[in-house]
Amino acid sequence: MHAQDNPFGQVLVALVTPFTADGEVDWPGVEKHMDDVINAGADGIVVTGTTGETSTLTDPEKVRLVETGKDVAAGRARIVTGGGSNETAHAIELYRKSERAGADGVMIVTPYYNKPTQAGILTHFRMIADATDLPVILYDIPGRTGVAIKYETILRASKHPNIRAVKDAKGDLSEVSRVLNQTDLMYFAGDDANALPTLAIGGTGLIGVTANIAPTPYRTMIDAVNSGDLASATAAHKALEPLVRAVMTHVPGTVAAKYILHGLGRISSPRVRLPLVGPEEWEAAQIEDEIDLVKDIPGASFRNFRPDRNAAAGGALPKVAGTTR
């Protein structure tokens, strides 16, 4: 794929939102973290996604994250807003504000909790895509939303000129292949463990949680796939495997990613907002056991990993409540 055909990038970080110990957005920490991941190989950042704790961010915080991303990236990476709502009208309003703030793309999650039919899902996607000139990524994550985007719905959605890609956290690679054969949609792995398998069947890239900690091996993996070097891509995949397991299997990804980033000294606090809480003792021990298996990988040395279970304990109530319904 030529770069000009892809408005999103290939190594996209599903960015954590660094907070202070009392749960407010750490804006200097946000800027530093964005700059860190871009310097380490990311060419796209998804702000206000699941990993960014979109459910407990206010709308003004979401818009400011887009603005901050554009300022920090300064053309080095694309900024995609990953927030949304299970209320179509609210989602449209939020994406319009994000477009005015400078977003390069939007990622629309399947409406959650109210469990619409496939016709309702398609209408939600189409109305949002109609309301913005930005390229759209559909986010298929039934484990969180309660309903999958069915194959037939993806085909119908693909006919909209603004709908350009899918972030797949369903893990059905046979369906991904089927859609790739019949549409021009780009596919991004939404499960870190499936990054290389998705690329191997024609996917475009990943939108990764583990990439908050180690974007460089993903850059290596994708560059190797682009050049036909399967051996180097596989080596990067193998090196990342225990880190992916540490981040993605014991607690929600944002909780583990913040715990690890704080232990590496890269964010000032591992705090998450309630109802998320930091890992309990036994969960922290599992994460640390996995980290012990990680060899030093490019851009992320764990020799000085010093996790702080006390700092991560519990969750924060911010001063201003979120507005996502």
C-alpha atoms as a PDB file:
ATOM      1  CA  MET A   1       0.000   0.000   0.000  1.00  0.00           C
ATOM      2  CA  HIS A   2       1.291   3.422  -0.944  1.00  0.00           C
ATOM      3  CA  ALA A   3       1.581   5.875   1.934  1.00  0.00           C
ATOM      4  CA  GLN A   4      -0.755   8.328   0.225  1.00  0.00           C
ATOM      5  CA  ASP A   5      -3.518   5.683   0.205  1.00  0.00           C
ATOM      6  CA  ASN A   6      -3.382   5.283   3.986  1.00  0.00           C
ATOM      7  CA  PRO A   7      -4.511   8.333   5.989  1.00  0.00           C
ATOM      8  CA  PHE A   8      -3.930   6.709   9.389  1.00  0.00           C
ATOM      9  CA  GLY A   9      -0.395   5.253   9.523  1.00  0.00           C
ATOM     10  CA  GLN A  10       0.576   1.663  10.279  1.00  0.00           C
ATOM     11  CA  VAL A  11       1.991   1.668  13.828  1.00  0.00           C
ATOM     12  CA  LEU A  12      -0.821   3.292  15.768  1.00  0.00           C
ATOM     13  CA  VAL A  13      -0.592   3.555  19.548  1.00  0.00           C
ATOM     14  CA  ALA A  14      -3.851   3.227  21.477  1.00  0.00           C
ATOM     15  CA  LEU A  15      -2.599   5.916  23.825  1.00  0.00           C
ATOM     16  CA  VAL A  16      -3.015   5.759  27.592  1.00  0.00           C
ATOM     17  CA  THR A  17      -4.025   9.082  29.134  1.00  0.00           C
ATOM     18  CA  PRO A  18      -1.510   9.836  31.907  1.00  0.00           C
ATOM     19  CA  PHE A  19      -3.176  11.095  35.092  1.00  0.00           C
ATOM     20  CA  THR A  20      -1.880  12.711  38.227  1.00  0.00           C
ATOM     21  CA  ALA A  21      -2.181  10.781  41.493  1.00  0.00           C
ATOM     22  CA  ASP A  22      -5.579  12.413  42.133  1.00  0.00           C
ATOM     23  CA  GLY A  23      -6.941  11.423  38.723  1.00  0.00           C
ATOM     24  CA  GLU A  24      -6.625  14.682  36.772  1.00  0.00           C
ATOM     25  CA  VAL A  25      -5.111  14.625  33.292  1.00  0.00           C
ATOM     26  CA  ASP A  26      -1.353  15.136  33.517  1.00  0.00           C
ATOM     27  CA  TRP A  27      -1.013  17.407  30.489  1.00  0.00           C
ATOM     28  CA  PRO A  28       2.790  17.673  30.545  1.00  0.00           C
ATOM     29  CA  GLY A  29       2.865  13.893  30.947  1.00  0.00           C
ATOM     30  CA  VAL A  30       0.532  13.486  27.962  1.00  0.00           C
ATOM     31  CA  GLU A  31       2.851  15.598  25.801  1.00  0.00           C
ATOM     32  CA  LYS A  32       5.934  13.682  26.910  1.00  0.00           C
ATOM     33  CA  HIS A  33       4.319  10.296  26.315  1.00  0.00           C
ATOM     34  CA  MET A  34       3.098  11.283  22.854  1.00  0.00           C
ATOM     35  CA  ASP A  35       6.555  12.510  21.922  1.00  0.00           C
ATOM     36  CA  ASP A  36       8.144   9.334  23.303  1.00  0.00           C
ATOM     37  CA  VAL A  37       6.028   6.957  21.220  1.00  0.00           C
ATOM     38  CA  ILE A  38       6.435   9.012  18.045  1.00  0.00           C
ATOM     39  CA  ASN A  39      10.203   9.109  18.490  1.00  0.00           C
ATOM     40  CA  ALA A  40      10.145   5.337  19.010  1.00  0.00           C
ATOM     41  CA  GLY A  41       8.443   4.610  15.688  1.00  0.00           C
ATOM     42  CA  ALA A  42       4.712   5.297  15.922  1.00  0.00           C
ATOM     43  CA  ASP A  43       3.240   7.041  12.890  1.00  0.00           C
ATOM     44  CA  GLY A  44      -0.261   7.274  14.342  1.00  0.00           C
ATOM     45  CA  ILE A  45      -1.806   7.919  17.744  1.00  0.00           C
ATOM     46  CA  VAL A  46      -5.353   7.050  18.773  1.00  0.00           C
ATOM     47  CA  VAL A  47      -6.384   9.319  21.642  1.00  0.00           C
ATOM     48  CA  THR A  48      -9.529   8.881  23.761  1.00  0.00           C
ATOM     49  CA  GLY A  49      -9.927   5.219  22.865  1.00  0.00           C
ATOM     50  CA  THR A  50     -10.621   2.363  25.243  1.00  0.00           C
ATOM     51  CA  THR A  51      -7.009   2.433  26.426  1.00  0.00           C
ATOM     52  CA  GLY A  52      -7.228   6.202  26.878  1.00  0.00           C
ATOM     53  CA  GLU A  53     -10.146   5.677  29.324  1.00  0.00           C
ATOM     54  CA  THR A  54     -12.640   7.402  27.057  1.00  0.00           C
ATOM     55  CA  SER A  55     -15.564   6.343  29.261  1.00  0.00           C
ATOM     56  CA  THR A  56     -14.362   8.568  32.106  1.00  0.00           C
ATOM     57  CA  LEU A  57     -12.960  11.497  30.120  1.00  0.00           C
ATOM     58  CA  THR A  58     -15.048  14.647  29.709  1.00  0.00           C
ATOM     59  CA  ASP A  59     -15.754  15.938  26.228  1.00  0.00           C
ATOM     60  CA  PRO A  60     -13.489  18.991  26.751  1.00  0.00           C
ATOM     61  CA  GLU A  61     -10.665  16.636  27.800  1.00  0.00           C
ATOM     62  CA  LYS A  62     -11.210  14.561  24.660  1.00  0.00           C
ATOM     63  CA  VAL A  63     -11.029  17.581  22.394  1.00  0.00           C
ATOM     64  CA  ARG A  64      -7.949  18.910  24.186  1.00  0.00           C
ATOM     65  CA  LEU A  65      -6.227  15.545  23.704  1.00  0.00           C
ATOM     66  CA  VAL A  66      -6.706  15.920  19.948  1.00  0.00           C
ATOM     67  CA  GLU A  67      -5.336  19.465  20.059  1.00  0.00           C
ATOM     68  CA  THR A  68      -2.371  18.365  22.164  1.00  0.00           C
ATOM     69  CA  GLY A  69      -1.661  15.463  19.838  1.00  0.00           C
ATOM     70  CA  LYS A  70      -1.617  17.721  16.799  1.00  0.00           C
ATOM     71  CA  ASP A  71       0.767  20.137  18.518  1.00  0.00           C
ATOM     72  CA  VAL A  72       3.144  17.418  19.698  1.00  0.00           C
ATOM     73  CA  ALA A  73       3.076  15.388  16.484  1.00  0.00           C
ATOM     74  CA  ALA A  74       3.717  18.458  14.314  1.00  0.00           C
ATOM     75  CA  GLY A  75       3.181  16.362  11.210  1.00  0.00           C
ATOM     76  CA  ARG A  76       5.236  13.377  12.383  1.00  0.00           C
ATOM     77  CA  ALA A  77       2.201  11.190  13.139  1.00  0.00           C
ATOM     78  CA  ARG A  78      -1.530  11.144  12.435  1.00  0.00           C
ATOM     79  CA  ILE A  79      -3.936  11.862  15.296  1.00  0.00           C
ATOM     80  CA  VAL A  80      -7.084   9.738  15.353  1.00  0.00           C
ATOM     81  CA  THR A  81      -9.822  10.367  17.891  1.00  0.00           C
ATOM     82  CA  GLY A  82     -11.116   7.094  19.267  1.00  0.00           C
ATOM     83  CA  GLY A  83     -13.878   8.349  21.497  1.00  0.00           C
ATOM     84  CA  GLY A  84     -17.504   7.906  20.672  1.00  0.00           C
ATOM     85  CA  SER A  85     -20.827   7.240  22.267  1.00  0.00           C
ATOM     86  CA  ASN A  86     -23.678   4.778  22.201  1.00  0.00           C
ATOM     87  CA  GLU A  87     -25.868   7.808  21.488  1.00  0.00           C
ATOM     88  CA  THR A  88     -25.547   8.691  17.810  1.00  0.00           C
ATOM     89  CA  ALA A  89     -26.288  12.402  18.278  1.00  0.00           C
ATOM     90  CA  HIS A  90     -23.638  12.752  20.981  1.00  0.00           C
ATOM     91  CA  ALA A  91     -21.085  10.853  18.878  1.00  0.00           C
ATOM     92  CA  ILE A  92     -21.720  13.152  15.907  1.00  0.00           C
ATOM     93  CA  GLU A  93     -21.238  16.235  18.092  1.00  0.00           C
ATOM     94  CA  LEU A  94     -18.028  14.877  19.576  1.00  0.00           C
ATOM     95  CA  TYR A  95     -16.511  13.911  16.224  1.00  0.00           C
ATOM     96  CA  ARG A  96     -17.367  17.305  14.724  1.00  0.00           C
ATOM     97  CA  LYS A  97     -15.587  19.010  17.627  1.00  0.00           C
ATOM     98  CA  SER A  98     -12.615  16.683  17.150  1.00  0.00           C
ATOM     99  CA  GLU A  99     -12.470  17.492  13.441  1.00  0.00           C
ATOM    100  CA  ARG A 100     -12.410  21.208  14.227  1.00  0.00           C
ATOM    101  CA  ALA A 101      -9.638  20.510  16.741  1.00  0.00           C
ATOM    102  CA  GLY A 102      -7.492  19.049  13.965  1.00  0.00           C
ATOM    103  CA  ALA A 103      -8.059  15.278  14.103  1.00  0.00           C
ATOM    104  CA  ASP A 104      -6.777  13.363  11.071  1.00  0.00           C
ATOM    105  CA  GLY A 105      -9.309  10.558  11.442  1.00  0.00           C
ATOM    106  CA  VAL A 106     -12.015   9.119  13.665  1.00  0.00           C
ATOM    107  CA  MET A 107     -12.546   5.649  15.068  1.00  0.00           C
ATOM    108  CA  ILE A 108     -16.170   4.702  15.709  1.00  0.00           C
ATOM    109  CA  VAL A 109     -16.842   1.983  18.249  1.00  0.00           C
ATOM    110  CA  THR A 110     -19.899  -0.218  17.836  1.00  0.00           C
ATOM    111  CA  PRO A 111     -22.666   1.196  20.049  1.00  0.00           C
ATOM    112  CA  TYR A 112     -22.432  -0.501  23.431  1.00  0.00           C
ATOM    113  CA  TYR A 113     -24.935  -1.446  26.147  1.00  0.00           C
ATOM    114  CA  ASN A 114     -28.100  -0.686  24.131  1.00  0.00           C
ATOM    115  CA  LYS A 115     -27.277  -3.582  21.731  1.00  0.00           C
ATOM    116  CA  PRO A 116     -28.752  -2.241  18.482  1.00  0.00           C
ATOM    117  CA  THR A 117     -29.592  -4.484  15.555  1.00  0.00           C
ATOM    118  CA  GLN A 118     -27.240  -4.618  12.590  1.00  0.00           C
ATOM    119  CA  ALA A 119     -29.476  -2.046  10.855  1.00  0.00           C
ATOM    120  CA  GLY A 120     -29.039   0.270  13.837  1.00  0.00           C
ATOM    121  CA  ILE A 121     -25.270  -0.243  13.869  1.00  0.00           C
ATOM    122  CA  LEU A 122     -25.050   0.513  10.146  1.00  0.00           C
ATOM    123  CA  THR A 123     -27.182   3.637  10.529  1.00  0.00           C
ATOM    124  CA  HIS A 124     -24.980   4.818  13.434  1.00  0.00           C
ATOM    125  CA  PHE A 125     -21.843   4.388  11.339  1.00  0.00           C
ATOM    126  CA  ARG A 126     -23.310   6.012   8.235  1.00  0.00           C
ATOM    127  CA  MET A 127     -24.697   9.043  10.049  1.00  0.00           C
ATOM    128  CA  ILE A 128     -21.381   9.737  11.760  1.00  0.00           C
ATOM    129  CA  ALA A 129     -19.486   9.230   8.511  1.00  0.00           C
ATOM    130  CA  ASP A 130     -21.902  11.642   6.821  1.00  0.00           C
ATOM    131  CA  ALA A 131     -21.260  14.249   9.523  1.00  0.00           C
ATOM    132  CA  THR A 132     -17.485  14.462   9.036  1.00  0.00           C
ATOM    133  CA  ASP A 133     -15.081  14.751   6.145  1.00  0.00           C
ATOM    134  CA  LEU A 134     -12.492  12.716   8.031  1.00  0.00           C
ATOM    135  CA  PRO A 135     -11.590   9.111   7.166  1.00  0.00           C
ATOM    136  CA  VAL A 136     -13.281   6.613   9.469  1.00  0.00           C
ATOM    137  CA  ILE A 137     -12.108   3.421  11.180  1.00  0.00           C
ATOM    138  CA  LEU A 138     -14.851   1.093  12.424  1.00  0.00           C
ATOM    139  CA  TYR A 139     -14.011  -0.526  15.762  1.00  0.00           C
ATOM    140  CA  ASP A 140     -15.286  -4.102  16.060  1.00  0.00           C
ATOM    141  CA  ILE A 141     -14.890  -5.254  19.677  1.00  0.00           C
ATOM    142  CA  PRO A 142     -17.849  -7.407  20.713  1.00  0.00           C
ATOM    143  CA  GLY A 143     -16.221  -8.406  24.004  1.00  0.00           C
ATOM    144  CA  ARG A 144     -16.767  -4.833  25.219  1.00  0.00           C
ATOM    145  CA  THR A 145     -19.803  -3.696  23.253  1.00  0.00           C
ATOM    146  CA  GLY A 146     -21.904  -6.854  23.488  1.00  0.00           C
ATOM    147  CA  VAL A 147     -22.517  -7.050  19.744  1.00  0.00           C
ATOM    148  CA  ALA A 148     -20.265  -7.767  16.757  1.00  0.00           C
ATOM    149  CA  ILE A 149     -20.320  -6.029  13.394  1.00  0.00           C
ATOM    150  CA  LYS A 150     -21.467  -8.835  11.118  1.00  0.00           C
ATOM    151  CA  TYR A 151     -19.711  -9.566   7.835  1.00  0.00           C
ATOM    152  CA  GLU A 152     -22.664  -8.368   5.763  1.00  0.00           C
ATOM    153  CA  THR A 153     -22.789  -5.102   7.719  1.00  0.00           C
ATOM    154  CA  ILE A 154     -19.090  -4.475   7.125  1.00  0.00           C
ATOM    155  CA  LEU A 155     -19.603  -4.978   3.382  1.00  0.00           C
ATOM    156  CA  ARG A 156     -22.496  -2.507   3.356  1.00  0.00           C
ATOM    157  CA  ALA A 157     -20.580   0.024   5.469  1.00  0.00           C
ATOM    158  CA  SER A 158     -17.573  -0.226   3.142  1.00  0.00           C
ATOM    159  CA  LYS A 159     -19.581   1.429   0.365  1.00  0.00           C
ATOM    160  CA  HIS A 160     -19.533   4.736   2.274  1.00  0.00           C
ATOM    161  CA  PRO A 161     -16.665   6.829   0.873  1.00  0.00           C
ATOM    162  CA  ASN A 162     -15.481   8.017   4.299  1.00  0.00           C
ATOM    163  CA  ILE A 163     -15.386   4.543   5.882  1.00  0.00           C
ATOM    164  CA  ARG A 164     -11.874   3.375   5.116  1.00  0.00           C
ATOM    165  CA  ALA A 165     -10.814   0.808   7.709  1.00  0.00           C
ATOM    166  CA  VAL A 166     -11.680  -1.615  10.487  1.00  0.00           C
ATOM    167  CA  LYS A 167      -9.957  -2.123  13.812  1.00  0.00           C
ATOM    168  CA  ASP A 168     -10.593  -5.796  14.467  1.00  0.00           C
ATOM    169  CA  ALA A 169     -10.680  -7.053  18.045  1.00  0.00           C
ATOM    170  CA  LYS A 170     -12.946  -9.964  17.139  1.00  0.00           C
ATOM    171  CA  GLY A 171     -10.013 -12.146  16.145  1.00  0.00           C
ATOM    172  CA  ASP A 172     -11.774 -13.931  13.286  1.00  0.00           C
ATOM    173  CA  LEU A 173      -8.973 -13.870  10.725  1.00  0.00           C
ATOM    174  CA  SER A 174     -10.951 -15.925   8.226  1.00  0.00           C
ATOM    175  CA  GLU A 175     -13.584 -13.177   8.194  1.00  0.00           C
ATOM    176  CA  VAL A 176     -10.854 -10.545   7.867  1.00  0.00           C
ATOM    177  CA  SER A 177      -9.541 -12.380   4.798  1.00  0.00           C
ATOM    178  CA  ARG A 178     -13.027 -12.570   3.368  1.00  0.00           C
ATOM    179  CA  VAL A 179     -13.605  -8.830   3.776  1.00  0.00           C
ATOM    180  CA  LEU A 180     -10.163  -7.981   2.383  1.00  0.00           C
ATOM    181  CA  ASN A 181     -10.982 -10.055  -0.700  1.00  0.00           C
ATOM    182  CA  GLN A 182     -14.214  -8.166  -1.337  1.00  0.00           C
ATOM    183  CA  THR A 183     -13.564  -4.567  -0.287  1.00  0.00           C
ATOM    184  CA  ASP A 184     -10.857  -1.930  -0.272  1.00  0.00           C
ATOM    185  CA  LEU A 185     -11.014  -1.586   3.518  1.00  0.00           C
ATOM    186  CA  MET A 186      -7.798  -1.452   5.501  1.00  0.00           C
ATOM    187  CA  TYR A 187      -7.571  -3.725   8.554  1.00  0.00           C
ATOM    188  CA  PHE A 188      -5.795  -2.907  11.797  1.00  0.00           C
ATOM    189  CA  ALA A 189      -5.154  -5.552  14.438  1.00  0.00           C
ATOM    190  CA  GLY A 190      -7.043  -4.619  17.589  1.00  0.00           C
ATOM    191  CA  ASP A 191      -5.562  -7.452  19.608  1.00  0.00           C
ATOM    192  CA  ASP A 192      -1.812  -7.033  20.105  1.00  0.00           C
ATOM    193  CA  ALA A 193      -1.155 -10.776  19.815  1.00  0.00           C
ATOM    194  CA  ASN A 194      -2.700 -10.771  16.332  1.00  0.00           C
ATOM    195  CA  ALA A 195      -0.556  -8.016  14.848  1.00  0.00           C
ATOM    196  CA  LEU A 196       1.676 -10.259  12.746  1.00  0.00           C
ATOM    197  CA  PRO A 197      -1.083 -12.717  11.731  1.00  0.00           C
ATOM    198  CA  THR A 198      -3.217  -9.773  10.575  1.00  0.00           C
ATOM    199  CA  LEU A 199      -0.335  -8.310   8.579  1.00  0.00           C
ATOM    200  CA  ALA A 200       0.418 -11.721   7.077  1.00  0.00           C
ATOM    201  CA  ILE A 201      -3.039 -11.967   5.478  1.00  0.00           C
ATOM    202  CA  GLY A 202      -2.970  -8.449   4.063  1.00  0.00           C
ATOM    203  CA  GLY A 203      -3.780  -6.200   7.004  1.00  0.00           C
ATOM    204  CA  THR A 204      -2.398  -2.675   7.140  1.00  0.00           C
ATOM    205  CA  GLY A 205      -1.116  -2.339  10.696  1.00  0.00           C
ATOM    206  CA  LEU A 206      -2.096  -2.342  14.339  1.00  0.00           C
ATOM    207  CA  ILE A 207      -3.718  -0.100  16.910  1.00  0.00           C
ATOM    208  CA  GLY A 208      -1.866  -1.414  19.923  1.00  0.00           C
ATOM    209  CA  VAL A 209      -1.852  -1.111  23.696  1.00  0.00           C
ATOM    210  CA  THR A 210       1.578  -2.700  24.141  1.00  0.00           C
ATOM    211  CA  ALA A 211       2.885  -0.111  21.689  1.00  0.00           C
ATOM    212  CA  ASN A 212       2.607   2.437  24.527  1.00  0.00           C
ATOM    213  CA  ILE A 213       5.599   0.648  26.025  1.00  0.00           C
ATOM    214  CA  ALA A 214       7.442  -0.623  22.946  1.00  0.00           C
ATOM    215  CA  PRO A 215       6.512   0.909  19.575  1.00  0.00           C
ATOM    216  CA  THR A 216       9.915   0.149  18.035  1.00  0.00           C
ATOM    217  CA  PRO A 217       9.487  -3.633  17.632  1.00  0.00           C
ATOM    218  CA  TYR A 218       6.141  -3.038  15.942  1.00  0.00           C
ATOM    219  CA  ARG A 219       7.823  -0.578  13.594  1.00  0.00           C
ATOM    220  CA  THR A 220      10.417  -3.276  12.871  1.00  0.00           C
ATOM    221  CA  MET A 221       7.689  -5.867  12.325  1.00  0.00           C
ATOM    222  CA  ILE A 222       5.703  -3.747   9.907  1.00  0.00           C
ATOM    223  CA  ASP A 223       8.737  -2.526   7.986  1.00  0.00           C
ATOM    224  CA  ALA A 224       9.866  -6.145   7.651  1.00  0.00           C
ATOM    225  CA  VAL A 225       6.459  -7.253   6.358  1.00  0.00           C
ATOM    226  CA  ASN A 226       6.449  -4.339   3.912  1.00  0.00           C
ATOM    227  CA  SER A 227       9.808  -5.494   2.557  1.00  0.00           C
ATOM    228  CA  GLY A 228       8.921  -9.206   2.504  1.00  0.00           C
ATOM    229  CA  ASP A 229      11.249 -10.144   5.381  1.00  0.00           C
ATOM    230  CA  LEU A 230       9.155 -12.669   7.300  1.00  0.00           C
ATOM    231  CA  ALA A 231      12.062 -13.819   9.467  1.00  0.00           C
ATOM    232  CA  SER A 232      12.636 -10.353  10.950  1.00  0.00           C
ATOM    233  CA  ALA A 233       8.904  -9.817  11.428  1.00  0.00           C
ATOM    234  CA  THR A 234       8.604 -13.149  13.240  1.00  0.00           C
ATOM    235  CA  ALA A 235      11.593 -12.347  15.464  1.00  0.00           C
ATOM    236  CA  ALA A 236       9.933  -9.083  16.532  1.00  0.00           C
ATOM    237  CA  HIS A 237       6.671 -10.940  17.204  1.00  0.00           C
ATOM    238  CA  LYS A 238       8.451 -13.493  19.393  1.00  0.00           C
ATOM    239  CA  ALA A 239      10.340 -10.828  21.332  1.00  0.00           C
ATOM    240  CA  LEU A 240       7.070  -9.006  22.068  1.00  0.00           C
ATOM    241  CA  GLU A 241       5.104 -12.094  23.135  1.00  0.00           C
ATOM    242  CA  PRO A 242       5.767 -12.012  26.920  1.00  0.00           C
ATOM    243  CA  LEU A 243       5.236  -8.241  27.034  1.00  0.00           C
ATOM    244  CA  VAL A 244       1.936  -8.610  25.184  1.00  0.00           C
ATOM    245  CA  ARG A 245       0.912 -11.262  27.690  1.00  0.00           C
ATOM    246  CA  ALA A 246       1.871  -8.991  30.592  1.00  0.00           C
ATOM    247  CA  VAL A 247      -0.204  -6.123  29.233  1.00  0.00           C
ATOM    248  CA  MET A 248      -3.228  -7.916  27.814  1.00  0.00           C
ATOM    249  CA  THR A 249      -4.114 -10.954  29.923  1.00  0.00           C
ATOM    250  CA  HIS A 250      -4.363 -10.196  33.649  1.00  0.00           C
ATOM    251  CA  VAL A 251      -6.093  -6.824  34.037  1.00  0.00           C
ATOM    252  CA  PRO A 252      -7.535  -4.300  31.554  1.00  0.00           C
ATOM    253  CA  GLY A 253      -4.839  -3.211  29.122  1.00  0.00           C
ATOM    254  CA  THR A 254      -4.771   0.413  30.243  1.00  0.00           C
ATOM    255  CA  VAL A 255      -4.267  -0.665  33.876  1.00  0.00           C
ATOM    256  CA  ALA A 256      -1.332  -2.921  33.020  1.00  0.00           C
ATOM    257  CA  ALA A 257       0.187  -0.449  30.554  1.00  0.00           C
ATOM    258  CA  LYS A 258       0.135   2.364  33.112  1.00  0.00           C
ATOM    259  CA  TYR A 259       1.532   0.065  35.800  1.00  0.00           C
ATOM    260  CA  ILE A 260       4.437  -0.899  33.547  1.00  0.00           C
ATOM    261  CA  LEU A 261       5.049   2.609  32.178  1.00  0.00           C
ATOM    262  CA  HIS A 262       5.203   3.968  35.727  1.00  0.00           C
ATOM    263  CA  GLY A 263       7.573   1.179  36.759  1.00  0.00           C
ATOM    264  CA  LEU A 264       9.822   2.230  33.889  1.00  0.00           C
ATOM    265  CA  GLY A 265       9.718   5.857  35.014  1.00  0.00           C
ATOM    266  CA  ARG A 266       7.969   7.011  31.830  1.00  0.00           C
ATOM    267  CA  ILE A 267       4.781   8.395  33.406  1.00  0.00           C
ATOM    268  CA  SER A 268       4.507  10.081  36.793  1.00  0.00           C
ATOM    269  CA  SER A 269       1.598   8.014  38.150  1.00  0.00           C
ATOM    270  CA  PRO A 270      -0.068   4.692  37.307  1.00  0.00           C
ATOM    271  CA  ARG A 271      -3.478   6.067  38.401  1.00  0.00           C
ATOM    272  CA  VAL A 272      -6.651   5.102  36.541  1.00  0.00           C
ATOM    273  CA  ARG A 273     -10.147   6.495  37.016  1.00  0.00           C
ATOM    274  CA  LEU A 274     -12.903   4.535  38.699  1.00  0.00           C
ATOM    275  CA  PRO A 275     -14.465   2.101  38.113  1.00  0.00           C
ATOM    276  CA  LEU A 276     -11.043   0.931  36.893  1.00  0.00           C
ATOM    277  CA  VAL A 277      -8.598   0.244  39.701  1.00  0.00           C
ATOM    278  CA  GLY A 278      -4.940  -0.638  39.816  1.00  0.00           C
ATOM    279  CA  PRO A 279      -3.883  -4.288  39.970  1.00  0.00           C
ATOM    280  CA  GLU A 280      -4.387  -6.189  43.190  1.00  0.00           C
ATOM    281  CA  GLU A 281      -1.323  -7.790  44.741  1.00  0.00           C
ATOM    282  CA  TRP A 282      -1.745 -11.116  42.995  1.00  0.00           C
ATOM    283  CA  GLU A 283      -2.463  -9.433  39.645  1.00  0.00           C
ATOM    284  CA  ALA A 284       0.588  -7.212  40.006  1.00  0.00           C
ATOM    285  CA  ALA A 285       2.659 -10.309  40.783  1.00  0.00           C
ATOM    286  CA  GLN A 286       1.427 -11.970  37.569  1.00  0.00           C
ATOM    287  CA  ILE A 287       2.325  -8.899  35.504  1.00  0.00           C
ATOM    288  CA  GLU A 288       5.773  -8.744  37.084  1.00  0.00           C
ATOM    289  CA  ASP A 289       6.345 -12.464  36.452  1.00  0.00           C
ATOM    290  CA  GLU A 290       5.599 -11.922  32.760  1.00  0.00           C
ATOM    291  CA  ILE A 291       7.938  -8.912  32.643  1.00  0.00           C
ATOM    292  CA  ASP A 292      10.722 -11.102  34.025  1.00  0.00           C
ATOM    293  CA  LEU A 293      10.475 -13.113  30.794  1.00  0.00           C
ATOM    294  CA  VAL A 294      10.907 -10.073  28.553  1.00  0.00           C
ATOM    295  CA  LYS A 295      14.362  -9.678  27.111  1.00  0.00           C
ATOM    296  CA  ASP A 296      15.525  -6.170  26.417  1.00  0.00           C
ATOM    297  CA  ILE A 297      13.782  -5.169  23.234  1.00  0.00           C
ATOM    298  CA  PRO A 298      14.579  -2.117  21.123  1.00  0.00           C
ATOM    299  CA  GLY A 299      13.320   1.037  22.800  1.00  0.00           C
ATOM    300  CA  ALA A 300      12.317  -0.636  26.073  1.00  0.00           C
ATOM    301  CA  SER A 301      14.871  -1.861  28.597  1.00  0.00           C
ATOM    302  CA  PHE A 302      13.447  -3.525  31.705  1.00  0.00           C
ATOM    303  CA  ARG A 303      16.689  -3.640  33.671  1.00  0.00           C
ATOM    304  CA  ASN A 304      15.497  -0.709  35.771  1.00  0.00           C
ATOM    305  CA  PHE A 305      11.844  -1.751  36.030  1.00  0.00           C
ATOM    306  CA  ARG A 306      10.633  -0.705  39.509  1.00  0.00           C
ATOM    307  CA  PRO A 307       6.873  -1.227  39.847  1.00  0.00           C
ATOM    308  CA  ASP A 308       5.032   0.506  42.691  1.00  0.00           C
ATOM    309  CA  ARG A 309       1.994  -1.482  43.812  1.00  0.00           C
ATOM    310  CA  ASN A 310       1.015   1.123  46.405  1.00  0.00           C
ATOM    311  CA  ALA A 311       0.953   3.963  43.883  1.00  0.00           C
ATOM    312  CA  ALA A 312      -1.209   1.882  41.554  1.00  0.00           C
ATOM    313  CA  ALA A 313      -3.714   0.732  44.179  1.00  0.00           C
ATOM    314  CA  GLY A 314      -7.326   1.833  43.908  1.00  0.00           C
ATOM    315  CA  GLY A 315      -8.792   4.279  41.430  1.00  0.00           C
ATOM    316  CA  ALA A 316      -9.452   7.995  41.276  1.00  0.00           C
ATOM    317  CA  LEU A 317     -12.608  10.115  41.195  1.00  0.00           C
ATOM    318  CA  PRO A 318     -11.865  13.193  39.083  1.00  0.00           C
ATOM    319  CA  LYS A 319     -13.215  16.614  40.027  1.00  0.00           C
ATOM    320  CA  VAL A 320     -15.406  16.841  36.930  1.00  0.00           C
ATOM    321  CA  ALA A 321     -17.485  13.838  35.904  1.00  0.00           C
ATOM    322  CA  GLY A 322     -17.267  12.453  32.393  1.00  0.00           C
ATOM    323  CA  THR A 323     -20.062  13.103  29.918  1.00  0.00           C
ATOM    324  CA  THR A 324     -20.054   9.912  27.888  1.00  0.00           C
ATOM    325  CA  ARG A 325     -23.490   8.385  28.293  1.00  0.00           C
END
